[in-house]
């Protein structure tokens, strides 16, 4: 709230009852704020390691489709 606390599910339910909205409305607002926060933080971040995409296991190709 006001940048100091997260909107937790219980708080979202209470706000919904008092203000005639839904808990989902308040949870979506929190998710949007979380997404914005990370978009501000991540531009300067670089991973310490990278990994190749997973390759299919050799026995996956040999398994007949049923």
N, C-alpha and C. Protein backbone atom coordinates (compact mmCIF):
# COMPACT_ATOMS: atom_id res chain seq x y z
N UNK A 1 0.84 -1.17 0.00
CA UNK A 1 0.00 0.00 0.00
C UNK A 1 0.89 1.23 0.00
N UNK A 2 0.61 2.09 -0.90
CA UNK A 2 1.36 3.34 -1.01
C UNK A 2 2.86 3.08 -1.12
N UNK A 3 3.22 1.95 -1.76
CA UNK A 3 4.62 1.63 -1.96
C UNK A 3 5.32 1.05 -0.76
N UNK A 4 4.60 0.79 0.32
CA UNK A 4 5.22 0.28 1.53
C UNK A 4 4.94 -1.19 1.78
N UNK A 5 3.78 -1.66 1.38
CA UNK A 5 3.41 -3.05 1.63
C UNK A 5 2.76 -3.63 0.38
N UNK A 6 2.90 -4.96 0.24
CA UNK A 6 2.25 -5.65 -0.86
C UNK A 6 0.77 -5.87 -0.56
N UNK A 7 -0.02 -6.01 -1.60
CA UNK A 7 -1.43 -6.38 -1.43
C UNK A 7 -1.46 -7.90 -1.38
N UNK A 8 -1.62 -8.43 -0.20
CA UNK A 8 -1.69 -9.88 0.02
C UNK A 8 -3.13 -10.34 -0.25
N UNK A 9 -3.33 -11.63 -0.49
CA UNK A 9 -4.67 -12.13 -0.81
C UNK A 9 -5.74 -11.76 0.23
N UNK A 10 -5.40 -11.84 1.50
CA UNK A 10 -6.37 -11.49 2.54
C UNK A 10 -6.74 -10.01 2.45
N UNK A 11 -5.75 -9.17 2.24
CA UNK A 11 -6.00 -7.74 2.10
C UNK A 11 -6.84 -7.47 0.86
N UNK A 12 -6.53 -8.17 -0.23
CA UNK A 12 -7.29 -8.01 -1.47
C UNK A 12 -8.76 -8.36 -1.24
N UNK A 13 -9.02 -9.43 -0.50
CA UNK A 13 -10.40 -9.84 -0.22
C UNK A 13 -11.12 -8.79 0.63
N UNK A 14 -10.41 -8.24 1.59
CA UNK A 14 -11.03 -7.22 2.44
C UNK A 14 -11.30 -5.94 1.67
N UNK A 15 -10.34 -5.51 0.85
CA UNK A 15 -10.55 -4.32 0.03
C UNK A 15 -11.73 -4.52 -0.90
N UNK A 16 -11.84 -5.71 -1.47
CA UNK A 16 -12.94 -6.01 -2.38
C UNK A 16 -14.29 -5.89 -1.68
N UNK A 17 -14.37 -6.41 -0.46
CA UNK A 17 -15.64 -6.32 0.28
C UNK A 17 -16.00 -4.88 0.61
N UNK A 18 -15.02 -4.11 1.03
CA UNK A 18 -15.28 -2.73 1.44
C UNK A 18 -15.58 -1.83 0.25
N UNK A 19 -14.87 -2.05 -0.86
CA UNK A 19 -14.97 -1.13 -2.00
C UNK A 19 -15.83 -1.65 -3.14
N UNK A 20 -16.43 -2.83 -2.98
CA UNK A 20 -17.33 -3.35 -4.00
C UNK A 20 -16.63 -3.79 -5.28
N UNK A 21 -15.40 -4.27 -5.14
CA UNK A 21 -14.67 -4.78 -6.30
C UNK A 21 -14.47 -6.28 -6.11
N UNK A 22 -13.48 -6.84 -6.76
CA UNK A 22 -13.16 -8.25 -6.58
C UNK A 22 -11.75 -8.38 -6.05
N UNK A 23 -11.45 -9.47 -5.36
CA UNK A 23 -10.06 -9.69 -4.93
C UNK A 23 -9.11 -9.77 -6.13
N UNK A 24 -9.59 -10.34 -7.25
CA UNK A 24 -8.77 -10.46 -8.44
C UNK A 24 -8.30 -9.08 -8.93
N UNK A 25 -9.16 -8.08 -8.83
CA UNK A 25 -8.79 -6.71 -9.23
C UNK A 25 -7.56 -6.25 -8.46
N UNK A 26 -7.56 -6.44 -7.16
CA UNK A 26 -6.44 -5.99 -6.33
C UNK A 26 -5.19 -6.83 -6.56
N UNK A 27 -5.37 -8.14 -6.77
CA UNK A 27 -4.23 -9.01 -7.04
C UNK A 27 -3.61 -8.67 -8.40
N UNK A 28 -4.46 -8.33 -9.38
CA UNK A 28 -3.94 -7.92 -10.69
C UNK A 28 -3.16 -6.61 -10.58
N UNK A 29 -3.63 -5.70 -9.75
CA UNK A 29 -2.87 -4.46 -9.55
C UNK A 29 -1.51 -4.75 -8.94
N UNK A 30 -1.45 -5.67 -7.98
CA UNK A 30 -0.17 -6.02 -7.36
C UNK A 30 0.74 -6.69 -8.39
N UNK A 31 0.18 -7.56 -9.22
CA UNK A 31 0.99 -8.23 -10.25
C UNK A 31 1.54 -7.22 -11.25
N UNK A 32 0.73 -6.24 -11.63
CA UNK A 32 1.19 -5.20 -12.55
C UNK A 32 2.31 -4.38 -11.92
N UNK A 33 2.20 -4.08 -10.64
CA UNK A 33 3.24 -3.34 -9.95
C UNK A 33 4.52 -4.16 -9.86
N UNK A 34 4.39 -5.45 -9.57
CA UNK A 34 5.55 -6.33 -9.52
C UNK A 34 6.26 -6.37 -10.87
N UNK A 35 5.48 -6.46 -11.95
CA UNK A 35 6.05 -6.49 -13.29
C UNK A 35 6.78 -5.18 -13.59
N UNK A 36 6.20 -4.06 -13.21
CA UNK A 36 6.85 -2.77 -13.43
C UNK A 36 8.14 -2.67 -12.62
N UNK A 37 8.10 -3.10 -11.36
CA UNK A 37 9.30 -3.06 -10.52
C UNK A 37 10.45 -3.83 -11.15
N UNK A 38 10.17 -5.02 -11.66
CA UNK A 38 11.24 -5.82 -12.25
C UNK A 38 11.71 -5.22 -13.57
N UNK A 39 10.83 -4.57 -14.31
CA UNK A 39 11.26 -3.95 -15.57
C UNK A 39 12.21 -2.78 -15.30
N UNK A 40 12.08 -2.16 -14.15
CA UNK A 40 12.98 -1.08 -13.77
C UNK A 40 14.32 -1.64 -13.29
N UNK A 41 14.29 -2.76 -12.58
CA UNK A 41 15.51 -3.35 -12.02
C UNK A 41 16.35 -4.10 -13.03
N UNK A 42 15.73 -4.78 -13.98
CA UNK A 42 16.44 -5.76 -14.80
C UNK A 42 17.34 -5.18 -15.91
N UNK A 43 17.16 -4.00 -16.43
CA UNK A 43 18.01 -3.56 -17.53
C UNK A 43 19.51 -3.60 -17.23
N UNK A 44 19.92 -3.36 -16.01
CA UNK A 44 21.34 -3.37 -15.68
C UNK A 44 21.87 -4.72 -15.25
N UNK A 45 21.01 -5.73 -15.19
CA UNK A 45 21.40 -7.04 -14.70
C UNK A 45 21.95 -7.90 -15.82
N UNK A 46 23.02 -8.62 -15.56
CA UNK A 46 23.54 -9.59 -16.52
C UNK A 46 23.72 -10.91 -15.79
N UNK A 47 23.39 -12.02 -16.45
CA UNK A 47 23.52 -13.32 -15.79
C UNK A 47 24.98 -13.69 -15.59
N UNK A 48 25.26 -14.41 -14.53
CA UNK A 48 26.63 -14.86 -14.27
C UNK A 48 26.94 -16.10 -15.08
N UNK A 49 25.92 -16.80 -15.57
CA UNK A 49 26.11 -17.98 -16.40
C UNK A 49 24.92 -18.10 -17.34
N UNK A 50 25.15 -18.70 -18.47
CA UNK A 50 24.05 -18.99 -19.40
C UNK A 50 24.07 -20.48 -19.72
N UNK A 51 22.95 -21.00 -20.10
CA UNK A 51 22.82 -22.42 -20.37
C UNK A 51 22.23 -22.62 -21.76
N UNK A 52 22.65 -23.69 -22.42
CA UNK A 52 22.10 -24.04 -23.72
C UNK A 52 20.68 -24.54 -23.53
N UNK A 53 19.82 -24.34 -24.54
CA UNK A 53 18.46 -24.86 -24.42
C UNK A 53 18.49 -26.38 -24.28
N UNK A 54 17.53 -26.97 -23.61
CA UNK A 54 17.52 -28.43 -23.44
C UNK A 54 17.37 -29.13 -24.78
N UNK A 55 18.06 -30.23 -24.92
CA UNK A 55 17.98 -31.06 -26.12
C UNK A 55 17.12 -32.28 -25.80
N UNK A 56 16.36 -32.77 -26.79
CA UNK A 56 15.55 -33.97 -26.51
C UNK A 56 16.47 -35.14 -26.19
N UNK A 57 16.02 -35.99 -25.30
CA UNK A 57 16.79 -37.18 -24.95
C UNK A 57 16.85 -38.10 -26.15
N UNK A 58 17.93 -38.85 -26.27
CA UNK A 58 18.12 -39.71 -27.44
C UNK A 58 17.02 -40.77 -27.55
N UNK A 59 16.47 -41.22 -26.44
CA UNK A 59 15.42 -42.24 -26.50
C UNK A 59 14.04 -41.64 -26.81
N UNK A 60 13.88 -40.32 -26.74
CA UNK A 60 12.59 -39.70 -27.07
C UNK A 60 12.23 -39.89 -28.53
N UNK A 61 13.22 -39.78 -29.43
CA UNK A 61 12.96 -39.90 -30.86
C UNK A 61 12.65 -41.34 -31.25
N UNK A 62 13.16 -42.29 -30.50
CA UNK A 62 12.97 -43.69 -30.86
C UNK A 62 11.67 -44.27 -30.33
N UNK A 63 10.98 -43.53 -29.44
CA UNK A 63 9.74 -44.04 -28.86
C UNK A 63 8.62 -43.97 -29.89
N UNK A 64 7.98 -45.10 -30.24
CA UNK A 64 6.91 -45.07 -31.23
C UNK A 64 5.67 -44.37 -30.66
N UNK A 65 4.99 -43.67 -31.53
CA UNK A 65 3.74 -42.99 -31.13
C UNK A 65 2.64 -44.02 -31.04
N UNK A 66 1.81 -43.90 -30.01
CA UNK A 66 0.69 -44.85 -29.86
C UNK A 66 -0.62 -44.12 -29.91
